[in-house]
Amino acid sequence: MAVVQPRSRVVNFRLSSSEYERVYCASQAEGLRTVSEFARSSVLRRIEGEPQGNSNLDVWLTRISEAIARMDRSLAEALKKWTAAVSKTPAQVKSKQDSE
């Protein structure tokens, strides 16, 4: 179990409204509870040499993978329907049209 050290030091800096919005959105995307947690973890990752923004990249890649999977299923279904339609003989198509 990790030992939690008490945090007694304060770091303060100002952001414009648009900068704050970007920081807030990034903190939400990483699943952090507060902007302060995001700022702390970002600074510590930076000084510890960890790559920045990996979790955002993971979220983005996951969304793209899900979208590709949905498109793949849609294309498979469309191909199935198209194959069924073109495999019918002209007489079968005419017979179906006549019955409608």
C-alpha atoms as a PDB file:
ATOM      1  CA  MET A   1       0.000   0.000   0.000  1.00  0.00           C
ATOM      2  CA  ALA A   2       1.367   3.408  -0.967  1.00  0.00           C
ATOM      3  CA  VAL A   3       2.135   5.881   1.774  1.00  0.00           C
ATOM      4  CA  VAL A   4       0.357   9.181   1.156  1.00  0.00           C
ATOM      5  CA  GLN A   5       2.411  12.199   2.090  1.00  0.00           C
ATOM      6  CA  PRO A   6       0.489  15.220   3.325  1.00  0.00           C
ATOM      7  CA  ARG A   7       0.342  18.018   0.794  1.00  0.00           C
ATOM      8  CA  SER A   8       1.208  21.313   2.429  1.00  0.00           C
ATOM      9  CA  ARG A   9       2.608  23.376  -0.453  1.00  0.00           C
ATOM     10  CA  VAL A  10       0.460  25.491  -2.784  1.00  0.00           C
ATOM     11  CA  VAL A  11       1.206  26.331  -6.406  1.00  0.00           C
ATOM     12  CA  ASN A  12      -0.937  29.014  -7.989  1.00  0.00           C
ATOM     13  CA  PHE A  13      -1.151  30.240 -11.580  1.00  0.00           C
ATOM     14  CA  ARG A  14      -3.671  32.097 -13.730  1.00  0.00           C
ATOM     15  CA  LEU A  15      -5.406  30.919 -16.879  1.00  0.00           C
ATOM     16  CA  SER A  16      -7.567  32.653 -19.449  1.00  0.00           C
ATOM     17  CA  SER A  17     -11.165  31.438 -19.784  1.00  0.00           C
ATOM     18  CA  SER A  18     -10.310  29.428 -22.897  1.00  0.00           C
ATOM     19  CA  GLU A  19      -7.217  27.895 -21.270  1.00  0.00           C
ATOM     20  CA  TYR A  20      -9.246  26.931 -18.201  1.00  0.00           C
ATOM     21  CA  GLU A  21     -11.918  25.308 -20.391  1.00  0.00           C
ATOM     22  CA  ARG A  22      -9.253  23.245 -22.179  1.00  0.00           C
ATOM     23  CA  VAL A  23      -7.678  22.184 -18.870  1.00  0.00           C
ATOM     24  CA  TYR A  24     -11.081  21.345 -17.391  1.00  0.00           C
ATOM     25  CA  CYS A  25     -12.056  19.224 -20.436  1.00  0.00           C
ATOM     26  CA  ALA A  26      -8.706  17.418 -20.328  1.00  0.00           C
ATOM     27  CA  SER A  27      -9.143  16.665 -16.614  1.00  0.00           C
ATOM     28  CA  GLN A  28     -12.604  15.232 -17.284  1.00  0.00           C
ATOM     29  CA  ALA A  29     -11.297  13.156 -20.207  1.00  0.00           C
ATOM     30  CA  GLU A  30      -8.691  11.614 -17.903  1.00  0.00           C
ATOM     31  CA  GLY A  31     -11.340  10.844 -15.309  1.00  0.00           C
ATOM     32  CA  LEU A  32      -9.869  13.054 -12.616  1.00  0.00           C
ATOM     33  CA  ARG A  33     -12.103  14.630  -9.979  1.00  0.00           C
ATOM     34  CA  THR A  34     -10.665  18.146 -10.101  1.00  0.00           C
ATOM     35  CA  VAL A  35      -8.607  20.494 -12.232  1.00  0.00           C
ATOM     36  CA  SER A  36      -6.077  20.566  -9.370  1.00  0.00           C
ATOM     37  CA  GLU A  37      -5.580  16.792  -9.623  1.00  0.00           C
ATOM     38  CA  PHE A  38      -5.046  17.151 -13.357  1.00  0.00           C
ATOM     39  CA  ALA A  39      -2.542  19.994 -12.918  1.00  0.00           C
ATOM     40  CA  ARG A  40      -0.649  18.067 -10.208  1.00  0.00           C
ATOM     41  CA  SER A  41      -0.487  14.828 -12.189  1.00  0.00           C
ATOM     42  CA  SER A  42       0.502  16.644 -15.397  1.00  0.00           C
ATOM     43  CA  VAL A  43       3.344  18.503 -13.721  1.00  0.00           C
ATOM     44  CA  LEU A  44       4.598  15.396 -11.939  1.00  0.00           C
ATOM     45  CA  ARG A  45       4.451  13.310 -15.140  1.00  0.00           C
ATOM     46  CA  ARG A  46       6.398  16.030 -16.926  1.00  0.00           C
ATOM     47  CA  ILE A  47       9.215  16.147 -14.375  1.00  0.00           C
ATOM     48  CA  GLU A  48       9.299  12.361 -14.020  1.00  0.00           C
ATOM     49  CA  GLY A  49       9.710  11.989 -17.779  1.00  0.00           C
ATOM     50  CA  GLU A  50       6.445  10.162 -18.480  1.00  0.00           C
ATOM     51  CA  PRO A  51       4.834  10.858 -21.841  1.00  0.00           C
ATOM     52  CA  GLN A  52       2.106  13.500 -21.755  1.00  0.00           C
ATOM     53  CA  GLY A  53      -1.467  12.869 -22.814  1.00  0.00           C
ATOM     54  CA  ASN A  54      -1.423   9.093 -23.194  1.00  0.00           C
ATOM     55  CA  SER A  55      -4.842   8.682 -21.634  1.00  0.00           C
ATOM     56  CA  ASN A  56      -6.339  11.198 -24.076  1.00  0.00           C
ATOM     57  CA  LEU A  57      -4.784   9.227 -26.903  1.00  0.00           C
ATOM     58  CA  ASP A  58      -6.200   6.012 -25.446  1.00  0.00           C
ATOM     59  CA  VAL A  59      -9.688   7.543 -25.286  1.00  0.00           C
ATOM     60  CA  TRP A  60      -9.388   8.793 -28.857  1.00  0.00           C
ATOM     61  CA  LEU A  61      -8.134   5.426 -30.147  1.00  0.00           C
ATOM     62  CA  THR A  62     -10.901   3.582 -28.298  1.00  0.00           C
ATOM     63  CA  ARG A  63     -13.553   5.809 -29.868  1.00  0.00           C
ATOM     64  CA  ILE A  64     -12.093   5.310 -33.326  1.00  0.00           C
ATOM     65  CA  SER A  65     -11.912   1.539 -32.818  1.00  0.00           C
ATOM     66  CA  GLU A  66     -15.551   1.462 -31.721  1.00  0.00           C
ATOM     67  CA  ALA A  67     -16.607   3.526 -34.747  1.00  0.00           C
ATOM     68  CA  ILE A  68     -14.692   1.223 -37.095  1.00  0.00           C
ATOM     69  CA  ALA A  69     -16.326  -1.826 -35.494  1.00  0.00           C
ATOM     70  CA  ARG A  70     -19.792  -0.287 -36.016  1.00  0.00           C
ATOM     71  CA  MET A  71     -18.971   0.474 -39.666  1.00  0.00           C
ATOM     72  CA  ASP A  72     -17.661  -3.056 -40.128  1.00  0.00           C
ATOM     73  CA  ARG A  73     -20.913  -4.525 -38.807  1.00  0.00           C
ATOM     74  CA  SER A  74     -22.963  -2.205 -41.040  1.00  0.00           C
ATOM     75  CA  LEU A  75     -20.925  -3.113 -44.100  1.00  0.00           C
ATOM     76  CA  ALA A  76     -21.200  -6.831 -43.335  1.00  0.00           C
ATOM     77  CA  GLU A  77     -24.980  -6.517 -43.062  1.00  0.00           C
ATOM     78  CA  ALA A  78     -25.180  -4.505 -46.294  1.00  0.00           C
ATOM     79  CA  LEU A  79     -23.016  -7.059 -48.094  1.00  0.00           C
ATOM     80  CA  LYS A  80     -25.219  -9.876 -46.823  1.00  0.00           C
ATOM     81  CA  LYS A  81     -28.346  -8.148 -48.144  1.00  0.00           C
ATOM     82  CA  TRP A  82     -26.695  -7.288 -51.459  1.00  0.00           C
ATOM     83  CA  THR A  83     -25.440 -10.862 -51.924  1.00  0.00           C
ATOM     84  CA  ALA A  84     -28.925 -12.221 -51.243  1.00  0.00           C
ATOM     85  CA  ALA A  85     -30.423  -9.770 -53.737  1.00  0.00           C
ATOM     86  CA  VAL A  86     -28.003 -10.435 -56.600  1.00  0.00           C
ATOM     87  CA  SER A  87     -28.076 -14.200 -56.153  1.00  0.00           C
ATOM     88  CA  LYS A  88     -31.709 -14.317 -57.244  1.00  0.00           C
ATOM     89  CA  THR A  89     -32.432 -15.112 -60.862  1.00  0.00           C
ATOM     90  CA  PRO A  90     -34.297 -12.551 -62.997  1.00  0.00           C
ATOM     91  CA  ALA A  91     -37.347 -14.865 -62.911  1.00  0.00           C
ATOM     92  CA  GLN A  92     -37.334 -14.856 -59.089  1.00  0.00           C
ATOM     93  CA  VAL A  93     -37.131 -11.061 -59.043  1.00  0.00           C
ATOM     94  CA  LYS A  94     -39.997 -10.757 -61.570  1.00  0.00           C
ATOM     95  CA  SER A  95     -42.057 -13.276 -59.606  1.00  0.00           C
ATOM     96  CA  LYS A  96     -41.581 -11.288 -56.407  1.00  0.00           C
ATOM     97  CA  GLN A  97     -42.495  -8.021 -58.147  1.00  0.00           C
ATOM     98  CA  ASP A  98     -45.630  -9.603 -59.632  1.00  0.00           C
ATOM     99  CA  SER A  99     -46.745 -10.842 -56.206  1.00  0.00           C
ATOM    100  CA  GLU A 100     -46.477  -7.334 -54.712  1.00  0.00           C
END
